[in-house]
Amino acid sequence: MIPMNSTHAKEVALKGLLIGAVAVATMLSIPVPGFRLYFNFGEGIIYLAALLLGPVWGAAAGGIGASLADLLLGYPLWAPFTLLIKGAEGYIVGRIGQRRPILGIAAGAAVMIAGYSTVAGILYGWPAVPVEAATDVVQCGIGAAAALAVRPVLKKALFSSSGSRSS
């Protein structure tokens, strides 16, 4: 059993909160008429989790949080795809974004857009692809802008005095 110190407990709590925040922000959604697709606000939280805590927790927050939202919103067919796509997105943003945040977000967004567009085409037919891709581009852009704006403030608040993370 791993001993639980104060710093470790805070990090575990923060990571759990980020998974929950991704789920809630994803549930703040706008359905796309004509398809079982939706625009949501979870992207910014995934990007923040990945940029602040790294690739493993970016993947966990993105994959677990967003797939949980799919289940709760009544999109169970999408949940396994979301687990993989958003997990990969969070991992990539966290891996590349630790040194180059904008490049990390762009790479993660590209994976997300390609993944969801492909799955939408398979599930709903190829006419769904442009709708899915356009929705995802806007969603990623809004999420990126929000994450990049909030990141410096959260980074300072979370890590400046705890010494638990220097990047």
Protein backbone atom coordinates (compact mmCIF):
# COMPACT_ATOMS: atom_id res chain seq x y z
CA MET A 1 0.00 0.00 0.00
CA ILE A 2 1.28 3.46 -0.94
CA PRO A 3 1.47 5.86 2.01
CA MET A 4 -0.76 8.89 1.50
CA ASN A 5 0.90 12.21 2.23
CA SER A 6 -0.76 15.59 1.98
CA THR A 7 0.65 16.41 -1.46
CA HIS A 8 -0.35 13.02 -2.88
CA ALA A 9 -3.85 13.34 -1.44
CA LYS A 10 -4.25 16.78 -3.02
CA GLU A 11 -3.09 15.51 -6.41
CA VAL A 12 -5.48 12.54 -6.31
CA ALA A 13 -8.33 14.86 -5.35
CA LEU A 14 -7.43 17.30 -8.12
CA LYS A 15 -7.30 14.53 -10.71
CA GLY A 16 -10.69 13.21 -9.63
CA LEU A 17 -12.13 16.70 -9.79
CA LEU A 18 -10.77 17.12 -13.32
CA ILE A 19 -12.45 13.89 -14.47
CA GLY A 20 -15.70 15.15 -12.96
CA ALA A 21 -15.22 18.60 -14.47
CA VAL A 22 -14.72 17.08 -17.94
CA ALA A 23 -17.93 15.07 -17.51
CA VAL A 24 -19.93 18.12 -16.37
CA ALA A 25 -18.49 20.45 -19.02
CA THR A 26 -19.18 17.81 -21.68
CA MET A 27 -22.75 17.53 -20.46
CA LEU A 28 -23.13 21.27 -21.11
CA SER A 29 -23.90 20.34 -24.67
CA ILE A 30 -25.81 21.51 -27.71
CA PRO A 31 -27.25 18.74 -29.91
CA VAL A 32 -26.55 18.92 -33.65
CA PRO A 33 -29.87 18.58 -35.53
CA GLY A 34 -30.21 15.61 -37.86
CA PHE A 35 -27.49 13.47 -36.28
CA ARG A 36 -26.83 11.98 -32.84
CA LEU A 37 -23.93 14.41 -32.39
CA TYR A 38 -23.42 17.30 -30.00
CA PHE A 39 -21.20 20.31 -29.40
CA ASN A 40 -19.86 20.55 -25.84
CA PHE A 41 -17.56 22.53 -23.57
CA GLY A 42 -15.38 19.70 -22.22
CA GLU A 43 -12.42 20.31 -24.51
CA GLY A 44 -11.00 23.18 -22.46
CA ILE A 45 -10.99 21.06 -19.30
CA ILE A 46 -9.25 18.18 -21.10
CA TYR A 47 -6.60 20.59 -22.36
CA LEU A 48 -6.11 22.08 -18.90
CA ALA A 49 -5.79 18.66 -17.28
CA ALA A 50 -3.25 17.57 -19.88
CA LEU A 51 -1.22 20.78 -19.80
CA LEU A 52 -1.16 21.04 -15.99
CA LEU A 53 -0.82 17.39 -14.97
CA GLY A 54 0.70 15.66 -17.98
CA PRO A 55 -0.22 13.00 -20.49
CA VAL A 56 -1.46 10.20 -18.24
CA TRP A 57 -3.94 12.36 -16.41
CA GLY A 58 -4.86 14.24 -19.58
CA ALA A 59 -5.77 10.86 -21.04
CA ALA A 60 -7.68 9.81 -17.92
CA ALA A 61 -9.60 13.06 -17.56
CA GLY A 62 -10.42 13.16 -21.26
CA GLY A 63 -11.25 9.51 -21.78
CA ILE A 64 -13.05 8.75 -18.53
CA GLY A 65 -14.75 12.11 -18.07
CA ALA A 66 -16.05 12.45 -21.63
CA SER A 67 -17.16 8.81 -21.96
CA LEU A 68 -19.00 9.10 -18.65
CA ALA A 69 -20.81 12.12 -20.10
CA ASP A 70 -21.74 10.11 -23.21
CA LEU A 71 -23.33 7.48 -20.99
CA LEU A 72 -25.20 10.04 -18.89
CA LEU A 73 -26.40 11.99 -21.93
CA GLY A 74 -27.83 8.90 -23.62
CA TYR A 75 -25.08 8.27 -26.19
CA PRO A 76 -23.85 4.84 -24.98
CA LEU A 77 -22.83 3.80 -28.50
CA TRP A 78 -20.24 6.60 -28.48
CA ALA A 79 -18.78 5.90 -25.01
CA PRO A 80 -16.11 3.34 -26.05
CA PHE A 81 -15.05 5.49 -29.00
CA THR A 82 -14.92 8.53 -26.74
CA LEU A 83 -12.81 6.69 -24.19
CA LEU A 84 -10.22 5.98 -26.89
CA ILE A 85 -10.43 9.24 -28.86
CA LYS A 86 -10.54 11.67 -25.94
CA GLY A 87 -8.02 9.57 -24.05
CA ALA A 88 -5.61 9.79 -26.99
CA GLU A 89 -6.31 13.50 -27.34
CA GLY A 90 -5.54 14.17 -23.67
CA TYR A 91 -2.40 12.06 -23.80
CA ILE A 92 -1.07 13.82 -26.89
CA VAL A 93 -1.84 17.28 -25.53
CA GLY A 94 -0.11 16.38 -22.27
CA ARG A 95 2.92 14.81 -23.93
CA ILE A 96 3.61 17.54 -26.50
CA GLY A 97 2.02 20.42 -24.61
CA GLN A 98 4.35 20.21 -21.62
CA ARG A 99 6.96 22.02 -23.73
CA ARG A 100 4.86 23.50 -26.53
CA PRO A 101 1.25 24.04 -25.40
CA ILE A 102 -0.15 25.36 -28.68
CA LEU A 103 1.42 22.56 -30.73
CA GLY A 104 0.21 20.00 -28.18
CA ILE A 105 -3.35 21.29 -28.37
CA ALA A 106 -3.24 21.38 -32.18
CA ALA A 107 -1.95 17.79 -32.35
CA GLY A 108 -4.53 16.54 -29.85
CA ALA A 109 -7.32 18.39 -31.64
CA ALA A 110 -6.28 16.84 -34.95
CA VAL A 111 -6.53 13.36 -33.45
CA MET A 112 -9.91 14.16 -31.93
CA ILE A 113 -11.34 15.63 -35.13
CA ALA A 114 -10.05 12.74 -37.26
CA GLY A 115 -11.27 10.13 -34.77
CA TYR A 116 -14.78 11.48 -34.34
CA SER A 117 -15.19 12.28 -38.04
CA THR A 118 -14.22 8.73 -38.97
CA VAL A 119 -16.57 7.17 -36.42
CA ALA A 120 -19.44 9.50 -37.44
CA GLY A 121 -18.91 8.48 -41.07
CA ILE A 122 -19.01 4.80 -40.17
CA LEU A 123 -22.04 5.08 -37.87
CA TYR A 124 -24.17 7.65 -39.72
CA GLY A 125 -22.82 7.68 -43.26
CA TRP A 126 -20.22 9.90 -44.88
CA PRO A 127 -22.54 12.95 -45.19
CA ALA A 128 -22.20 13.26 -41.38
CA VAL A 129 -18.44 13.82 -41.62
CA PRO A 130 -18.44 17.53 -42.58
CA VAL A 131 -20.98 18.28 -39.84
CA GLU A 132 -18.92 16.40 -37.26
CA ALA A 133 -15.63 17.93 -38.39
CA ALA A 134 -16.99 21.50 -38.40
CA THR A 135 -18.52 21.05 -34.95
CA ASP A 136 -15.25 19.62 -33.63
CA VAL A 137 -13.11 22.41 -35.09
CA VAL A 138 -15.24 25.02 -33.33
CA GLN A 139 -15.30 22.99 -30.12
CA CYS A 140 -11.51 22.58 -30.14
CA GLY A 141 -10.94 26.25 -30.93
CA ILE A 142 -13.13 27.44 -28.07
CA GLY A 143 -11.57 24.89 -25.71
CA ALA A 144 -8.05 25.87 -26.74
CA ALA A 145 -8.70 29.58 -26.25
CA ALA A 146 -10.23 28.97 -22.82
CA ALA A 147 -7.47 26.60 -21.69
CA LEU A 148 -4.63 28.82 -22.86
CA ALA A 149 -6.20 31.84 -21.16
CA VAL A 150 -6.81 30.11 -17.83
CA ARG A 151 -3.69 27.91 -17.69
CA PRO A 152 -1.20 30.49 -16.35
CA VAL A 153 -3.49 31.48 -13.49
CA LEU A 154 -4.29 27.88 -12.52
CA LYS A 155 -0.66 26.81 -12.85
CA LYS A 156 0.42 29.55 -10.47
CA ALA A 157 -2.40 28.86 -8.00
CA LEU A 158 -1.94 25.10 -8.00
CA PHE A 159 1.80 24.66 -8.14
CA SER A 160 3.63 27.79 -7.01
CA SER A 161 3.53 27.10 -3.29
CA SER A 162 3.14 23.31 -3.18
CA GLY A 163 6.37 22.51 -4.97
CA SER A 164 4.69 19.39 -6.37
CA ARG A 165 5.05 20.37 -10.00
CA SER A 166 7.48 22.70 -11.69
CA SER A 167 6.34 22.53 -15.34
